[in-house]
Amino acid sequence: MDTEKLGPELDQVEIKQTSSTIKPIRFRDEVINKIKKDNFIFGKKRDFFIPFIVSKDSHQKGLKLRIYKGSVKDKSTRKVFYIQYWFNGKSAKLKLGDYTQRFGVKECDDYLIEIHKTHTDSKTGYWLKDPSITKKDEQRIVEKPDTTQAKGYTINETIEAYCGAAIYEEEAERGFSKDRKDGFRTSKSCRNWFRYMAGYNQRKSLLTFYDDDDGYGVVQFLSNTHLRINKPKDMRDLFRKFPPGRGILQDRKYWNRRRKQTYTIPASQNKSIYDSSLGKSLIHELKPGDIEEWIRGTSSEEIKKDYVKVFTTLWIYARKRGWLGTKPGPCPVGLEDVYVKREPKKYEDPYKDIAIEDPKELALFWECTEELSQKFPWKAELHQFMILTALRKTEALKMKKEYINLEKGTLFIPKGISKTKYRDEELPIPPELEVLILNILDIGNRPTLEFYKMKDHPWLFGTRKWGAAKYFNKAFKQSHQAHLGGDENFIPTLRALMRSKANDPTLLYSPKILRKSYITLSQQRHGGRSEITQQMSRHGSIEVLNKHYNKPNLETKRGYANKVAEVFKFIKRRSA
């Protein structure tokens, strides 16, 4: 059919109920443009199909143009391309697209070619897949977005977010979360981690940490009058006041209480990640070699290991927030991946295998602590409480008076103050412990104005290190700052007194041996039954108990050895 004759022929056509009256047209834009719905009589039909003149063995076989009647108000004529095909012995139609300026003959033909490539046999031309089903799947199934790519955050940005600062479009979270468990770090752990991340800097003077009722570290911001810097509003404000490179400490001095000597550590050995060039690199590109280069020259093996743990924490935190993509793989910067040179120990802990086992030593310990109670209230009782309960010092310091039920005879230990934070515990109060508790509660009733003002605080072991202005500050008394903070001055005094009374200048004492002493005594009194001791000391497993605590001293080992050696009594001394 010539395109010039198409218009006159359409004017003379009357649409019948059968398709035989519809003459094929050429697959040309100029031909399709001339087709108008006003040229046809639809009758009861809403639409009809006009076939195209195409070759029977081409990809255009079955191509048709659908014309819609539409409403009377519609001035335009809707035209849609369809392909009719046979699949599994059944006829089917597939909509290719509406005929528009953007989708004409060329676009339709290209689309049809692509369908034939993916759905038909190239040799026979038979349909292998139903394109209608494919199209439904495309509408039903959304292609998964590519989430494998990392977001491109730097180590410094990760540090800011981990500490609790809001960065960019990311929502701020509570800082200092644990790596692989739910919850957050303790105040001590927060303090150490911040020191390695961003703390060898003046910004460290603007914050401190304390434990909340759940035992998790909470940041408290401070002002610095010496530097004339106001208290930061939040972590974001802290890093704004001290951006990378500002306030770097050149050298760090510290006082060694044990050796009574001041040491100076160069800044090159203790350095802040946040203030380094490494902090400006991408977190997802962190490699073991980067960490090994960073820890080179640091002061000790333990500090090197701590730095590795910090980088591990940052990497895990970035992974948990989805910043490393969906395929980050295992952590590449753990202790098992980073080489840390082992160094000989410069100092051997003399208290490693020490425990108070001898009844005379126990009596000496109690006599000395009783004698020092007036000078060191609560501190002396703290040590007594630790050896009678096997509580760690950090746990004992957080004990409240309300945890004690003398009528029921129980000592409540909430999971918030426990090291493991696994569950709440309840321990019995034997008569000896009850006497000690009553002595502790009586401290607040001592006939001095100072103690009178201090007696209404909730802590079992209160502090005396506060100004007179805070004596009547109820908010302060209820806070964690009001309980006893430490016993550094008391320990050497108690040790010296015990040495003097025992006439033994080599006698060793430290609060770390008190829990070990209770466990050792428990083992001895219960015939070595570790399961009983485990319940009282609240260890997670007997294996941990035996590994770290059930270690006999030299004299006990000597007794074991002599008992075994009795088998070899037949051994005689050779003559010279």
Protein backbone atom coordinates (compact mmCIF):
# COMPACT_ATOMS: atom_id res chain seq x y z
CA MET A 1 0.00 0.00 0.00
CA ASP A 2 1.43 3.41 -0.96
CA THR A 3 1.49 5.93 1.83
CA GLU A 4 -0.07 8.56 -0.45
CA LYS A 5 -3.15 6.39 -0.93
CA LEU A 6 -3.57 5.47 2.74
CA GLY A 7 -5.70 8.46 3.71
CA PRO A 8 -8.36 8.13 0.92
CA GLU A 9 -8.61 4.40 1.54
CA LEU A 10 -9.29 4.92 5.24
CA ASP A 11 -12.05 7.37 4.45
CA GLN A 12 -13.91 4.70 2.54
CA VAL A 13 -13.40 1.86 5.06
CA GLU A 14 -16.24 0.66 7.30
CA ILE A 15 -15.21 -1.40 10.26
CA LYS A 16 -17.04 -4.71 10.43
CA GLN A 17 -17.21 -7.31 13.28
CA THR A 18 -14.66 -9.44 11.46
CA SER A 19 -10.98 -8.58 11.13
CA SER A 20 -10.93 -9.44 7.49
CA THR A 21 -11.90 -5.92 6.56
CA ILE A 22 -8.76 -4.47 8.24
CA LYS A 23 -6.08 -4.08 5.67
CA PRO A 24 -2.38 -4.28 6.71
CA ILE A 25 -0.31 -1.11 6.72
CA ARG A 26 3.38 -0.45 6.38
CA PHE A 27 5.58 -0.16 9.46
CA ARG A 28 6.40 3.52 8.94
CA ASP A 29 6.03 6.61 11.15
CA GLU A 30 4.44 8.64 8.37
CA VAL A 31 1.81 5.95 7.83
CA ILE A 32 0.97 5.60 11.51
CA ASN A 33 0.71 9.39 11.95
CA LYS A 34 -2.11 9.56 9.37
CA ILE A 35 -4.31 7.11 11.24
CA LYS A 36 -7.14 8.89 13.11
CA LYS A 37 -9.95 7.31 15.12
CA ASP A 38 -12.46 9.64 13.47
CA ASN A 39 -11.91 7.82 10.19
CA PHE A 40 -13.46 4.66 11.63
CA ILE A 41 -16.79 3.42 12.81
CA PHE A 42 -16.15 1.41 16.03
CA GLY A 43 -19.75 0.48 16.74
CA LYS A 44 -19.74 -1.61 19.94
CA LYS A 45 -16.00 -2.23 19.73
CA ARG A 46 -13.67 -0.36 22.12
CA ASP A 47 -10.65 -1.03 19.95
CA PHE A 48 -9.27 -3.04 17.07
CA PHE A 49 -5.93 -4.24 15.73
CA ILE A 50 -4.32 -3.20 12.44
CA PRO A 51 -1.64 -5.63 11.23
CA PHE A 52 1.62 -4.45 9.68
CA ILE A 53 3.05 -5.60 6.39
CA VAL A 54 6.12 -7.59 7.51
CA SER A 55 8.04 -10.62 6.42
CA LYS A 56 6.83 -13.92 7.91
CA ASP A 57 10.33 -15.02 8.91
CA SER A 58 11.42 -11.72 10.48
CA HIS A 59 11.39 -10.59 14.12
CA GLN A 60 8.44 -8.34 13.18
CA LYS A 61 6.14 -11.29 12.56
CA GLY A 62 2.87 -10.78 14.41
CA LEU A 63 3.40 -7.02 14.89
CA LYS A 64 0.14 -5.03 15.15
CA LEU A 65 -1.11 -1.55 15.99
CA ARG A 66 -3.96 -1.27 18.46
CA ILE A 67 -6.38 1.66 17.98
CA TYR A 68 -8.56 2.73 20.92
CA LYS A 69 -12.04 4.26 20.60
CA GLY A 70 -11.69 6.33 23.75
CA SER A 71 -14.23 8.90 24.89
CA VAL A 72 -15.98 11.43 22.69
CA LYS A 73 -13.98 14.25 24.27
CA ASP A 74 -10.65 12.63 23.33
CA LYS A 75 -9.26 14.51 20.35
CA SER A 76 -6.11 12.44 20.09
CA THR A 77 -5.99 8.84 18.95
CA ARG A 78 -4.27 6.35 21.23
CA LYS A 79 -2.10 3.90 19.28
CA VAL A 80 -0.23 1.01 20.91
CA PHE A 81 2.26 -1.49 19.46
CA TYR A 82 1.57 -5.17 20.15
CA ILE A 83 3.28 -8.38 19.11
CA GLN A 84 1.22 -11.51 18.67
CA TYR A 85 3.08 -14.80 19.10
CA TRP A 86 2.60 -18.49 19.80
CA PHE A 87 3.99 -20.09 22.97
CA ASN A 88 3.33 -23.67 24.02
CA GLY A 89 0.62 -24.00 21.36
CA LYS A 90 -1.32 -20.95 22.59
CA SER A 91 -1.70 -17.49 21.05
CA ALA A 92 -0.62 -14.56 23.19
CA LYS A 93 -0.12 -10.80 22.85
CA LEU A 94 2.56 -8.58 24.40
CA LYS A 95 2.28 -4.83 24.72
CA LEU A 96 5.42 -3.17 23.38
CA GLY A 97 4.53 0.44 24.12
CA ASP A 98 2.38 3.43 23.20
CA TYR A 99 3.15 5.16 19.94
CA THR A 100 4.56 8.58 20.93
CA GLN A 101 7.26 11.00 19.88
CA ARG A 102 9.66 9.17 22.15
CA PHE A 103 8.59 5.66 21.17
CA GLY A 104 8.18 5.40 17.42
CA VAL A 105 8.91 2.82 14.76
CA LYS A 106 12.66 2.72 15.42
CA GLU A 107 12.32 2.39 19.22
CA CYS A 108 9.67 -0.28 18.83
CA ASP A 109 11.83 -2.24 16.40
CA ASP A 110 14.88 -2.06 18.69
CA TYR A 111 12.81 -3.26 21.64
CA LEU A 112 11.40 -6.11 19.54
CA ILE A 113 14.89 -7.18 18.44
CA GLU A 114 16.03 -7.34 22.10
CA ILE A 115 13.00 -9.47 23.01
CA HIS A 116 13.74 -11.91 20.21
CA LYS A 117 17.38 -12.22 21.31
CA THR A 118 16.42 -13.17 24.86
CA HIS A 119 13.23 -15.21 24.25
CA THR A 120 13.54 -17.08 20.92
CA ASP A 121 15.78 -19.69 19.33
CA SER A 122 18.19 -17.97 16.94
CA LYS A 123 18.06 -20.87 14.48
CA THR A 124 14.39 -21.87 14.44
CA GLY A 125 12.76 -18.63 15.61
CA TYR A 126 10.61 -20.55 18.12
CA TRP A 127 9.70 -18.84 21.38
CA LEU A 128 11.67 -20.40 24.26
CA LYS A 129 10.35 -18.08 27.00
CA ASP A 130 7.11 -16.19 27.34
CA PRO A 131 7.92 -12.46 27.20
CA SER A 132 4.64 -11.65 29.00
CA ILE A 133 5.84 -13.54 32.09
CA THR A 134 9.20 -11.82 31.87
CA LYS A 135 7.52 -8.42 31.85
CA LYS A 136 5.36 -9.33 34.85
CA ASP A 137 8.49 -10.42 36.75
CA GLU A 138 10.17 -7.12 35.92
CA GLN A 139 7.24 -5.29 37.47
CA ARG A 140 7.01 -7.67 40.42
CA ILE A 141 10.70 -8.05 41.25
CA VAL A 142 12.72 -4.94 42.05
CA GLU A 143 16.35 -5.16 41.21
CA LYS A 144 18.46 -5.24 44.33
CA PRO A 145 20.45 -2.03 44.71
CA ASP A 146 24.21 -2.25 44.82
CA THR A 147 25.09 -2.05 48.50
CA THR A 148 28.50 -3.63 48.26
CA GLN A 149 30.24 -0.27 47.96
CA ALA A 150 31.53 1.37 51.14
CA LYS A 151 30.22 4.82 52.03
CA GLY A 152 33.68 6.33 52.07
CA TYR A 153 33.94 7.58 55.65
CA THR A 154 37.35 8.36 57.07
CA ILE A 155 38.80 6.95 60.29
CA ASN A 156 38.37 10.37 61.94
CA GLU A 157 34.69 10.48 61.01
CA THR A 158 34.30 6.97 62.40
CA ILE A 159 35.97 8.09 65.65
CA GLU A 160 33.59 11.04 65.96
CA ALA A 161 30.53 8.84 65.40
CA TYR A 162 31.80 6.12 67.75
CA CYS A 163 32.23 8.71 70.51
CA GLY A 164 28.63 9.85 70.01
CA ALA A 165 28.93 12.81 67.61
CA ALA A 166 26.53 13.34 64.71
CA ILE A 167 28.22 13.33 61.27
CA TYR A 168 26.62 14.41 58.02
CA GLU A 169 23.27 12.74 57.39
CA GLU A 170 24.03 9.93 59.87
CA GLU A 171 21.96 9.86 63.03
CA ALA A 172 23.97 10.18 66.25
CA GLU A 173 24.12 7.13 68.54
CA ARG A 174 25.20 6.70 72.14
CA GLY A 175 28.95 6.49 72.13
CA PHE A 176 31.38 3.75 73.06
CA SER A 177 29.36 0.67 72.20
CA LYS A 178 30.77 -2.81 72.69
CA ASP A 179 32.20 -4.63 69.69
CA ARG A 180 30.27 -7.90 69.39
CA LYS A 181 27.83 -7.69 72.31
CA ASP A 182 24.92 -5.43 73.09
CA GLY A 183 25.54 -2.63 75.55
CA PHE A 184 28.30 -0.12 76.09
CA ARG A 185 31.75 0.06 77.63
CA THR A 186 32.48 0.87 81.25
CA SER A 187 33.79 4.29 82.22
CA LYS A 188 37.31 2.92 82.57
CA SER A 189 37.19 1.37 79.11
CA CYS A 190 35.68 4.55 77.62
CA ARG A 191 38.45 6.60 79.18
CA ASN A 192 41.19 4.34 77.77
CA TRP A 193 39.65 4.05 74.30
CA PHE A 194 39.17 7.81 74.01
CA ARG A 195 42.77 8.37 75.07
CA TYR A 196 44.04 6.22 72.20
CA MET A 197 41.55 7.59 69.68
CA ALA A 198 41.67 11.30 70.41
CA GLY A 199 42.98 11.82 73.92
CA TYR A 200 46.67 12.65 73.71
CA ASN A 201 45.41 16.17 73.22
CA GLN A 202 44.03 19.10 75.20
CA ARG A 203 40.51 18.04 74.19
CA LYS A 204 40.81 15.26 76.81
CA SER A 205 40.65 17.91 79.56
CA LEU A 206 37.10 18.80 78.50
CA LEU A 207 35.48 15.50 79.41
CA THR A 208 35.44 12.75 81.96
CA PHE A 209 33.53 9.48 82.35
CA TYR A 210 31.52 7.84 85.10
CA ASP A 211 29.39 4.67 85.32
CA ASP A 212 25.60 4.83 85.30
CA ASP A 213 23.30 2.45 87.19
CA ASP A 214 23.66 -0.13 84.42
CA GLY A 215 27.44 -0.08 84.73
CA TYR A 216 27.94 1.68 81.38
CA GLY A 217 30.21 4.64 80.86
CA VAL A 218 28.61 8.08 80.56
CA VAL A 219 30.50 11.14 79.36
CA GLN A 220 30.46 14.36 81.37
CA PHE A 221 31.75 17.52 79.72
CA LEU A 222 33.89 20.06 81.58
CA SER A 223 35.13 23.57 81.05
CA ASN A 224 38.82 24.47 81.07
CA THR A 225 39.50 27.80 82.72
CA HIS A 226 43.24 27.54 82.03
CA LEU A 227 42.59 27.27 78.28
CA ARG A 228 39.59 29.66 78.53
CA ILE A 229 37.30 27.14 76.84
CA ASN A 230 33.66 26.72 77.80
CA LYS A 231 32.10 23.34 78.46
CA PRO A 232 31.19 21.61 75.16
CA LYS A 233 27.48 21.09 74.50
CA ASP A 234 28.01 17.61 73.08
CA MET A 235 30.57 15.45 71.28
CA ARG A 236 30.02 17.32 68.04
CA ASP A 237 30.89 20.57 69.81
CA LEU A 238 33.97 18.96 71.42
CA PHE A 239 35.44 17.98 68.05
CA ARG A 240 34.51 21.41 66.66
CA LYS A 241 36.47 23.12 69.44
CA PHE A 242 39.43 20.79 68.88
CA PRO A 243 39.67 19.74 65.23
CA PRO A 244 42.49 17.42 64.10
CA GLY A 245 45.89 18.94 64.83
CA ARG A 246 44.81 21.47 67.46
CA GLY A 247 45.89 21.10 71.09
CA ILE A 248 48.43 18.29 70.57
CA LEU A 249 50.45 17.43 73.69
CA GLN A 250 54.13 17.24 72.96
CA ASP A 251 55.23 15.14 75.92
CA ARG A 252 53.35 13.30 78.64
CA LYS A 253 54.59 13.08 82.22
CA TYR A 254 53.21 10.71 84.82
CA TRP A 255 54.04 9.76 88.40
CA ASN A 256 54.81 6.10 89.08
CA ARG A 257 53.47 5.49 92.56
CA ARG A 258 55.15 2.13 92.90
CA ARG A 259 58.62 3.37 92.05
CA LYS A 260 57.98 6.91 93.32
CA GLN A 261 59.47 8.43 90.22
CA THR A 262 58.30 10.78 87.47
CA TYR A 263 58.54 9.48 83.91
CA THR A 264 58.32 11.39 80.66
CA ILE A 265 56.83 9.67 77.60
CA PRO A 266 57.52 11.37 74.28
CA ALA A 267 54.55 12.24 72.14
CA SER A 268 55.96 10.00 69.41
CA GLN A 269 55.29 6.96 71.61
CA ASN A 270 51.76 7.88 72.70
CA LYS A 271 49.85 9.53 69.91
CA SER A 272 46.29 10.33 68.99
CA ILE A 273 44.81 8.61 65.93
CA TYR A 274 42.47 11.55 65.38
CA ASP A 275 45.38 14.01 65.09
CA SER A 276 47.42 11.89 62.67
CA SER A 277 47.50 11.62 58.90
CA LEU A 278 46.24 8.04 59.21
CA GLY A 279 42.99 9.40 60.64
CA LYS A 280 42.27 11.11 57.32
CA SER A 281 42.35 7.82 55.38
CA LEU A 282 39.25 5.74 54.60
CA ILE A 283 38.14 3.21 57.20
CA HIS A 284 37.28 0.54 54.61
CA GLU A 285 40.81 0.74 53.16
CA LEU A 286 42.47 0.02 56.51
CA LYS A 287 45.08 -2.75 56.19
CA PRO A 288 47.22 -4.68 58.71
CA GLY A 289 50.34 -2.93 57.40
CA ASP A 290 48.83 0.46 58.30
CA ILE A 291 48.41 -0.64 61.91
CA GLU A 292 51.88 -2.17 62.08
CA GLU A 293 53.39 1.09 60.87
CA TRP A 294 51.30 3.06 63.35
CA ILE A 295 52.28 1.05 66.44
CA ARG A 296 55.96 1.08 65.52
CA GLY A 297 57.78 3.05 68.20
CA THR A 298 55.04 3.03 70.82
CA SER A 299 56.11 2.58 74.41
CA SER A 300 55.23 -1.04 75.18
CA GLU A 301 53.79 -4.27 73.87
CA GLU A 302 50.56 -3.79 75.83
CA ILE A 303 50.00 -0.32 74.36
CA LYS A 304 50.59 -1.72 70.88
CA LYS A 305 47.96 -4.37 71.51
CA ASP A 306 45.56 -1.74 72.82
CA TYR A 307 45.98 0.31 69.63
CA VAL A 308 45.21 -2.79 67.55
CA LYS A 309 42.06 -3.37 69.62
CA VAL A 310 41.00 0.25 69.09
CA PHE A 311 41.33 -0.05 65.31
CA THR A 312 39.38 -3.31 65.49
CA THR A 313 36.64 -1.53 67.44
CA LEU A 314 36.42 1.24 64.83
CA TRP A 315 36.25 -1.24 61.95
CA ILE A 316 33.53 -3.32 63.64
CA TYR A 317 31.55 -0.18 64.47
CA ALA A 318 31.69 0.97 60.84
CA ARG A 319 30.55 -2.48 59.72
CA LYS A 320 27.61 -2.50 62.16
CA ARG A 321 26.44 0.86 60.79
CA GLY A 322 26.64 -0.40 57.21
CA TRP A 323 29.46 1.90 56.20
CA LEU A 324 31.62 -0.90 54.76
CA GLY A 325 29.03 -2.27 52.33
CA THR A 326 27.33 -5.66 52.47
CA LYS A 327 30.48 -7.64 51.68
CA PRO A 328 33.14 -6.33 54.10
CA GLY A 329 34.48 -9.79 54.94
CA PRO A 330 36.19 -10.56 58.26
CA CYS A 331 37.93 -7.81 60.21
CA PRO A 332 41.39 -7.37 58.60
CA VAL A 333 42.99 -5.54 61.53
CA GLY A 334 42.54 -7.86 64.52
CA LEU A 335 45.27 -9.11 66.82
CA GLU A 336 45.47 -12.32 64.80
CA ASP A 337 46.16 -10.32 61.61
CA VAL A 338 48.50 -7.58 62.86
CA TYR A 339 52.05 -8.45 63.86
CA VAL A 340 52.95 -7.21 67.33
CA LYS A 341 56.51 -7.86 68.41
CA ARG A 342 56.66 -9.62 71.74
CA GLU A 343 58.84 -7.92 74.30
CA PRO A 344 60.29 -9.28 77.53
CA LYS A 345 58.33 -8.24 80.57
CA LYS A 346 59.98 -5.33 82.31
CA TYR A 347 58.00 -5.90 85.45
CA GLU A 348 56.73 -9.15 86.92
CA ASP A 349 53.61 -8.85 89.05
CA PRO A 350 54.62 -10.02 92.55
CA TYR A 351 50.96 -10.48 93.50
CA LYS A 352 50.17 -12.92 90.73
CA ASP A 353 50.11 -16.01 92.96
CA ILE A 354 49.66 -14.34 96.36
CA ALA A 355 46.72 -15.01 98.65
CA ILE A 356 46.12 -14.72 102.39
CA GLU A 357 45.71 -18.31 103.59
CA ASP A 358 47.35 -18.41 107.02
CA PRO A 359 44.86 -17.68 109.86
CA LYS A 360 47.54 -15.57 111.57
CA GLU A 361 47.88 -13.40 108.43
CA LEU A 362 44.11 -13.05 108.24
CA ALA A 363 43.98 -11.91 111.85
CA LEU A 364 46.85 -9.48 111.19
CA PHE A 365 45.04 -8.04 108.18
CA TRP A 366 41.85 -7.52 110.17
CA GLU A 367 43.68 -6.00 113.14
CA CYS A 368 45.46 -3.46 110.92
CA THR A 369 42.35 -2.44 109.01
CA GLU A 370 40.44 -1.96 112.27
CA GLU A 371 43.23 0.23 113.57
CA LEU A 372 43.16 2.43 110.46
CA SER A 373 39.39 2.77 110.30
CA GLN A 374 39.30 6.10 112.15
CA LYS A 375 41.89 7.68 109.86
CA PHE A 376 40.58 6.05 106.69
CA PRO A 377 36.81 5.59 107.12
CA TRP A 378 35.15 3.49 104.44
CA LYS A 379 38.52 2.67 102.85
CA ALA A 380 39.48 0.26 105.60
CA GLU A 381 35.98 -1.23 105.56
CA LEU A 382 36.13 -1.56 101.78
CA HIS A 383 39.04 -3.99 102.04
CA GLN A 384 37.28 -5.94 104.77
CA PHE A 385 34.13 -6.13 102.67
CA MET A 386 36.07 -7.41 99.64
CA ILE A 387 37.66 -10.35 101.45
CA LEU A 388 34.32 -11.42 102.98
CA THR A 389 32.31 -11.23 99.70
CA ALA A 390 34.85 -11.92 96.92
CA LEU A 391 33.59 -8.79 95.17
CA ARG A 392 35.94 -6.94 92.88
CA LYS A 393 36.88 -3.44 93.98
CA THR A 394 35.00 -1.82 91.09
CA GLU A 395 31.92 -3.81 92.12
CA ALA A 396 32.18 -3.05 95.82
CA LEU A 397 32.55 0.70 95.23
CA LYS A 398 29.16 0.78 93.45
CA MET A 399 27.27 -1.00 96.22
CA LYS A 400 24.30 0.91 97.66
CA LYS A 401 22.76 0.61 101.09
CA GLU A 402 19.46 -0.42 99.52
CA TYR A 403 21.11 -3.59 98.15
CA ILE A 404 21.43 -4.91 101.73
CA ASN A 405 18.52 -6.77 103.29
CA LEU A 406 19.49 -7.72 106.82
CA GLU A 407 16.04 -9.12 107.64
CA LYS A 408 16.22 -11.51 104.73
CA GLY A 409 19.95 -11.95 105.15
CA THR A 410 20.83 -11.28 101.50
CA LEU A 411 23.17 -9.08 99.53
CA PHE A 412 21.77 -7.99 96.17
CA ILE A 413 24.27 -7.50 93.33
CA PRO A 414 22.63 -5.93 90.25
CA LYS A 415 24.03 -6.86 86.88
CA GLY A 416 24.84 -3.21 86.27
CA ILE A 417 27.74 -3.27 88.73
CA SER A 418 28.92 -6.77 87.89
CA LYS A 419 31.87 -7.24 85.58
CA THR A 420 30.03 -9.71 83.34
CA LYS A 421 26.67 -7.82 83.44
CA TYR A 422 25.03 -11.14 82.75
CA ARG A 423 22.28 -11.23 85.40
CA ASP A 424 21.32 -9.99 88.85
CA GLU A 425 22.82 -11.98 91.72
CA GLU A 426 21.83 -12.51 95.34
CA LEU A 427 24.32 -13.71 97.95
CA PRO A 428 23.70 -14.77 101.53
CA ILE A 429 24.98 -12.67 104.42
CA PRO A 430 26.77 -14.81 107.03
CA PRO A 431 26.97 -13.53 110.62
CA GLU A 432 30.53 -12.18 110.21
CA LEU A 433 29.56 -10.16 107.15
CA GLU A 434 26.49 -8.81 108.94
CA VAL A 435 28.71 -7.47 111.71
CA LEU A 436 30.91 -5.74 109.16
CA ILE A 437 27.93 -4.21 107.36
CA LEU A 438 26.57 -2.81 110.61
CA ASN A 439 29.99 -1.31 111.29
CA ILE A 440 29.97 0.33 107.85
CA LEU A 441 26.49 1.77 108.36
CA ASP A 442 27.56 3.22 111.69
CA ILE A 443 30.31 5.32 110.11
CA GLY A 444 27.79 7.98 109.12
CA ASN A 445 26.72 8.29 112.75
CA ARG A 446 30.15 9.16 114.09
CA PRO A 447 29.92 12.28 116.30
CA THR A 448 31.51 14.77 113.97
CA LEU A 449 29.79 17.41 111.89
CA GLU A 450 31.49 16.12 108.77
CA PHE A 451 30.10 12.63 109.09
CA TYR A 452 26.70 13.95 110.12
CA LYS A 453 26.42 15.82 106.85
CA MET A 454 27.57 12.80 104.86
CA LYS A 455 25.37 10.09 106.32
CA ASP A 456 22.35 10.49 104.02
CA HIS A 457 24.09 9.49 100.79
CA PRO A 458 22.91 6.17 99.19
CA TRP A 459 26.34 4.58 98.83
CA LEU A 460 27.71 1.90 101.12
CA PHE A 461 31.17 3.43 100.72
CA GLY A 462 31.03 7.21 100.52
CA THR A 463 33.69 9.71 99.59
CA ARG A 464 35.08 12.52 101.70
CA LYS A 465 36.52 14.39 98.73
CA TRP A 466 33.95 17.10 98.26
CA GLY A 467 33.63 20.71 99.17
CA ALA A 468 31.41 22.08 101.88
CA ALA A 469 29.08 23.52 99.23
CA LYS A 470 28.15 19.97 98.18
CA TYR A 471 27.27 18.69 101.65
CA PHE A 472 23.61 19.59 101.14
CA ASN A 473 23.51 19.02 97.39
CA LYS A 474 21.06 16.12 97.05
CA ALA A 475 21.70 15.69 93.32
CA PHE A 476 25.43 15.32 93.95
CA LYS A 477 24.94 12.84 96.82
CA GLN A 478 22.78 10.64 94.59
CA SER A 479 25.32 10.70 91.75
CA HIS A 480 28.15 8.24 91.20
CA GLN A 481 30.64 10.95 92.09
CA ALA A 482 29.58 10.68 95.72
CA HIS A 483 30.81 7.13 96.30
CA LEU A 484 34.38 6.28 97.25
CA GLY A 485 36.69 6.74 94.30
CA GLY A 486 39.85 4.94 95.33
CA ASP A 487 42.17 3.92 98.13
CA GLU A 488 45.61 4.86 96.81
CA ASN A 489 46.76 6.52 100.04
CA PHE A 490 45.36 3.81 102.23
CA ILE A 491 47.10 0.84 100.58
CA PRO A 492 50.76 1.77 101.33
CA THR A 493 49.76 2.77 104.89
CA LEU A 494 48.08 -0.58 105.47
CA ARG A 495 50.98 -2.47 103.92
CA ALA A 496 53.53 -0.66 106.08
CA LEU A 497 51.49 -1.32 109.23
CA MET A 498 51.17 -5.03 108.43
CA ARG A 499 54.92 -5.30 107.80
CA SER A 500 55.67 -3.51 111.06
CA LYS A 501 53.39 -5.72 113.17
CA ALA A 502 54.57 -8.92 111.45
CA ASN A 503 58.19 -7.79 111.59
CA ASP A 504 58.49 -8.81 107.96
CA PRO A 505 59.68 -6.05 105.56
CA THR A 506 59.04 -8.33 102.57
CA LEU A 507 55.34 -8.92 103.33
CA LEU A 508 53.23 -8.30 100.22
CA TYR A 509 49.76 -6.79 100.23
CA SER A 510 47.48 -5.42 97.55
CA PRO A 511 43.66 -5.27 97.26
CA LYS A 512 43.85 -7.54 94.21
CA ILE A 513 44.72 -10.48 96.47
CA LEU A 514 41.52 -10.20 98.53
CA ARG A 515 39.20 -11.85 96.01
CA LYS A 516 41.86 -14.49 95.38
CA SER A 517 42.13 -15.07 99.13
CA TYR A 518 38.39 -15.69 99.47
CA ILE A 519 38.43 -18.16 96.57
CA THR A 520 41.46 -19.99 97.97
CA LEU A 521 39.92 -20.24 101.43
CA SER A 522 36.64 -21.44 99.92
CA GLN A 523 38.43 -24.19 98.04
CA GLN A 524 40.22 -25.31 101.17
CA ARG A 525 37.10 -25.29 103.38
CA HIS A 526 35.00 -27.16 100.80
CA GLY A 527 37.48 -29.87 99.97
CA GLY A 528 38.48 -28.45 96.61
CA ARG A 529 34.91 -28.33 95.26
CA SER A 530 35.18 -25.69 92.57
CA GLU A 531 31.45 -25.69 91.80
CA ILE A 532 30.68 -24.27 95.25
CA THR A 533 33.37 -21.61 94.97
CA GLN A 534 32.13 -20.73 91.50
CA GLN A 535 28.66 -19.91 92.84
CA MET A 536 30.02 -17.66 95.57
CA SER A 537 32.58 -15.86 93.39
CA ARG A 538 30.10 -15.57 90.45
CA HIS A 539 32.49 -16.88 87.81
CA GLY A 540 31.07 -17.76 84.42
CA SER A 541 32.67 -21.20 84.40
CA ILE A 542 34.77 -23.48 86.55
CA GLU A 543 37.45 -23.45 83.82
CA VAL A 544 37.97 -19.70 84.26
CA LEU A 545 38.04 -20.12 88.03
CA ASN A 546 40.71 -22.82 87.91
CA LYS A 547 42.77 -21.01 85.31
CA HIS A 548 43.12 -17.69 87.10
CA TYR A 549 42.53 -18.30 90.81
CA ASN A 550 43.13 -21.85 91.96
CA LYS A 551 46.87 -21.47 92.09
CA PRO A 552 48.61 -22.72 95.23
CA ASN A 553 51.43 -20.71 96.76
CA LEU A 554 55.00 -21.94 97.09
CA GLU A 555 54.53 -23.49 100.54
CA THR A 556 51.40 -25.34 99.43
CA LYS A 557 53.26 -26.60 96.37
CA ARG A 558 56.12 -27.68 98.67
CA GLY A 559 53.66 -29.77 100.66
CA TYR A 560 52.32 -31.36 97.46
CA ALA A 561 55.87 -32.16 96.28
CA ASN A 562 56.95 -33.66 99.63
CA LYS A 563 53.88 -35.90 99.67
CA VAL A 564 54.70 -37.28 96.23
CA ALA A 565 58.39 -37.62 97.06
CA GLU A 566 57.54 -40.03 99.89
CA VAL A 567 57.20 -42.73 97.24
CA PHE A 568 60.93 -42.39 96.59
CA LYS A 569 62.16 -42.88 100.17
CA PHE A 570 64.41 -45.69 99.01
CA ILE A 571 66.79 -43.14 97.44
CA LYS A 572 70.08 -43.01 99.36
CA ARG A 573 73.00 -40.59 99.39
CA ARG A 574 76.02 -41.77 97.43
CA SER A 575 79.29 -41.98 99.27
CA ALA A 576 81.99 -39.51 98.26
